[in-house]
């Protein structure tokens, strides 16, 4: 009842549980977390299973999620910058010269290289425990993935 009340109030409930009695709440919650020594029913009904029994691991899981969210934003900014600049170069050159400056194979290779660098950057970005973690703002579900500040960075780079 508590989880349903939080959801109806517009909140995003996170439930931690470890036994059969918690299974229904884990299933109803937006994010269900069970610990490693919990029963199998609780693990099956949860979204995230933490292998050890330390609540500090829940904090680290949330911080890794925030890091991934920030890395996805960086990836989107990089991809949009590269793809818009490549698209505009091809379009302007095709309109002015009359033929595209790159062949299809060259465009595919450029796209492959851009994707590899961006994916490598996302995978290698570490979770860094910062001092300002206590002051972290909530990430709203209504917040846009690409912020206006990111567009302010993308467009001048495309023009350059």
Protein backbone atom coordinates (compact mmCIF):
# COMPACT_ATOMS: atom_id res chain seq x y z
CA UNK A 1 0.00 0.00 0.00
CA UNK A 2 2.85 2.34 0.80
CA UNK A 3 4.52 1.77 -2.59
CA UNK A 4 1.26 2.34 -4.47
CA UNK A 5 0.64 5.53 -2.45
CA UNK A 6 4.08 6.87 -3.33
CA UNK A 7 3.51 6.07 -7.02
CA UNK A 8 0.11 7.79 -7.01
CA UNK A 9 1.68 10.84 -5.39
CA UNK A 10 4.13 11.12 -8.29
CA UNK A 11 7.12 9.67 -6.49
CA UNK A 12 9.51 7.01 -7.68
CA UNK A 13 9.67 4.32 -4.99
CA UNK A 14 12.79 2.23 -4.48
CA UNK A 15 12.20 -0.87 -2.35
CA UNK A 16 14.82 -3.08 -0.77
CA UNK A 17 13.76 -6.55 0.30
CA UNK A 18 15.07 -10.01 1.02
CA UNK A 19 12.23 -12.44 1.71
CA UNK A 20 8.95 -13.72 0.28
CA UNK A 21 6.88 -11.11 2.10
CA UNK A 22 8.78 -8.35 0.24
CA UNK A 23 8.21 -9.84 -3.23
CA UNK A 24 4.96 -7.97 -3.92
CA UNK A 25 6.44 -4.62 -2.90
CA UNK A 26 9.57 -5.30 -4.97
CA UNK A 27 7.42 -6.02 -8.01
CA UNK A 28 5.22 -2.93 -7.52
CA UNK A 29 8.13 -0.52 -6.97
CA UNK A 30 9.73 1.39 -9.82
CA UNK A 31 13.10 0.01 -8.69
CA UNK A 32 13.28 -3.17 -6.61
CA UNK A 33 16.58 -4.10 -4.99
CA UNK A 34 17.34 -7.36 -3.23
CA UNK A 35 20.49 -8.37 -1.45
CA UNK A 36 22.66 -11.39 -2.22
CA UNK A 37 21.55 -13.60 0.65
CA UNK A 38 17.85 -12.93 0.08
CA UNK A 39 15.45 -15.65 -0.99
CA UNK A 40 15.06 -16.60 -4.63
CA UNK A 41 11.51 -15.20 -4.85
CA UNK A 42 12.72 -11.75 -3.79
CA UNK A 43 15.58 -11.88 -6.29
CA UNK A 44 13.23 -12.83 -9.14
CA UNK A 45 10.87 -9.94 -8.36
CA UNK A 46 13.58 -7.30 -8.04
CA UNK A 47 15.17 -5.22 -10.77
CA UNK A 48 18.64 -5.20 -9.24
CA UNK A 49 20.34 -7.90 -7.18
CA UNK A 50 23.30 -6.74 -5.12
CA UNK A 51 25.61 -9.66 -4.41
CA UNK A 52 26.82 -8.56 -1.00
CA UNK A 53 24.72 -7.51 1.99
CA UNK A 54 26.01 -3.99 2.50
CA UNK A 55 23.67 -1.04 2.14
CA UNK A 56 26.68 1.00 0.96
CA UNK A 57 26.43 -1.07 -2.23
CA UNK A 58 22.99 0.45 -2.91
CA UNK A 59 24.58 3.89 -2.79
CA UNK A 60 27.34 2.79 -5.16
CA UNK A 61 24.75 1.31 -7.54
CA UNK A 62 22.87 4.60 -7.64
CA UNK A 63 26.09 6.53 -8.24
CA UNK A 64 27.07 4.16 -11.07
CA UNK A 65 23.63 4.75 -12.57
CA UNK A 66 24.19 8.51 -12.42
CA UNK A 67 27.60 8.06 -14.05
CA UNK A 68 26.05 6.05 -16.87
CA UNK A 69 23.38 8.73 -17.31
CA UNK A 70 26.05 11.44 -17.58
CA UNK A 71 28.04 9.29 -20.01
CA UNK A 72 24.99 8.79 -22.23
CA UNK A 73 24.61 12.57 -22.35
CA UNK A 74 28.25 12.95 -23.35
CA UNK A 75 27.78 10.26 -26.01
CA UNK A 76 24.72 12.05 -27.41
CA UNK A 77 26.58 15.35 -27.54
CA UNK A 78 29.53 13.79 -29.36
CA UNK A 79 27.34 11.85 -31.80
CA UNK A 80 25.13 14.83 -32.61
CA UNK A 81 28.15 17.05 -33.18
CA UNK A 82 29.83 14.56 -35.49
CA UNK A 83 26.72 13.49 -37.39
CA UNK A 84 25.36 17.01 -37.91
CA UNK A 85 28.75 18.28 -39.10
CA UNK A 86 29.17 15.31 -41.44
CA UNK A 87 25.63 15.64 -42.76
CA UNK A 88 25.99 19.38 -43.34
CA UNK A 89 29.37 18.90 -45.06
CA UNK A 90 27.93 16.29 -47.41
CA UNK A 91 24.78 18.34 -48.10
CA UNK A 92 26.58 21.63 -48.74
CA UNK A 93 29.21 19.98 -50.92
CA UNK A 94 26.60 18.03 -52.88
CA UNK A 95 24.54 21.18 -53.50
CA UNK A 96 27.50 23.37 -54.49
CA UNK A 97 29.69 20.88 -56.40
CA UNK A 98 26.92 18.68 -57.71
CA UNK A 99 28.25 15.40 -56.35
CA UNK A 100 28.79 14.11 -52.82
CA UNK A 101 32.35 14.49 -51.49
CA UNK A 102 32.42 11.01 -49.92
CA UNK A 103 31.46 7.61 -51.21
CA UNK A 104 29.05 5.42 -49.29
CA UNK A 105 31.89 3.23 -48.02
CA UNK A 106 33.78 6.28 -46.73
CA UNK A 107 30.67 7.48 -44.89
CA UNK A 108 30.20 4.05 -43.31
CA UNK A 109 33.83 4.00 -42.18
CA UNK A 110 33.52 7.48 -40.67
CA UNK A 111 30.37 6.42 -38.83
CA UNK A 112 32.06 3.24 -37.58
CA UNK A 113 35.08 5.17 -36.28
CA UNK A 114 32.85 7.75 -34.58
CA UNK A 115 30.81 5.03 -32.89
CA UNK A 116 33.88 3.14 -31.69
CA UNK A 117 35.47 6.23 -30.12
CA UNK A 118 32.23 7.25 -28.46
CA UNK A 119 31.54 3.75 -27.13
CA UNK A 120 35.08 3.47 -25.80
CA UNK A 121 34.71 6.82 -24.05
CA UNK A 122 31.49 5.72 -22.36
CA UNK A 123 32.86 2.36 -21.26
CA UNK A 124 36.05 3.77 -19.80
CA UNK A 125 34.55 6.70 -17.88
CA UNK A 126 34.90 5.76 -14.20
CA UNK A 127 32.60 6.38 -11.28
CA UNK A 128 34.33 9.04 -9.22
CA UNK A 129 33.21 9.62 -5.67
CA UNK A 130 32.95 13.36 -5.32
CA UNK A 131 32.72 15.49 -2.22
CA UNK A 132 29.59 17.21 -3.52
CA UNK A 133 27.68 13.90 -3.68
CA UNK A 134 25.69 14.99 -0.65
CA UNK A 135 24.44 18.00 -2.64
CA UNK A 136 23.37 16.04 -5.75
CA UNK A 137 20.16 17.16 -7.36
CA UNK A 138 17.44 14.71 -8.26
CA UNK A 139 17.19 13.84 -11.92
CA UNK A 140 13.62 14.48 -12.98
CA UNK A 141 11.89 11.99 -15.25
CA UNK A 142 10.57 14.99 -17.22
CA UNK A 143 14.03 16.46 -17.76
CA UNK A 144 15.24 16.41 -21.35
CA UNK A 145 18.16 14.17 -22.23
CA UNK A 146 19.80 16.92 -24.28
CA UNK A 147 19.94 20.16 -22.32
CA UNK A 148 20.07 23.64 -23.93
CA UNK A 149 23.66 23.96 -22.66
CA UNK A 150 24.54 20.91 -24.73
CA UNK A 151 23.01 22.49 -27.85
CA UNK A 152 25.05 25.59 -27.08
CA UNK A 153 28.16 23.39 -27.21
CA UNK A 154 27.09 21.32 -30.24
CA UNK A 155 26.14 24.07 -32.69
CA UNK A 156 29.38 26.14 -32.57
CA UNK A 157 31.42 22.97 -32.92
CA UNK A 158 29.38 21.97 -35.98
CA UNK A 159 29.93 25.38 -37.54
CA UNK A 160 33.66 25.18 -36.81
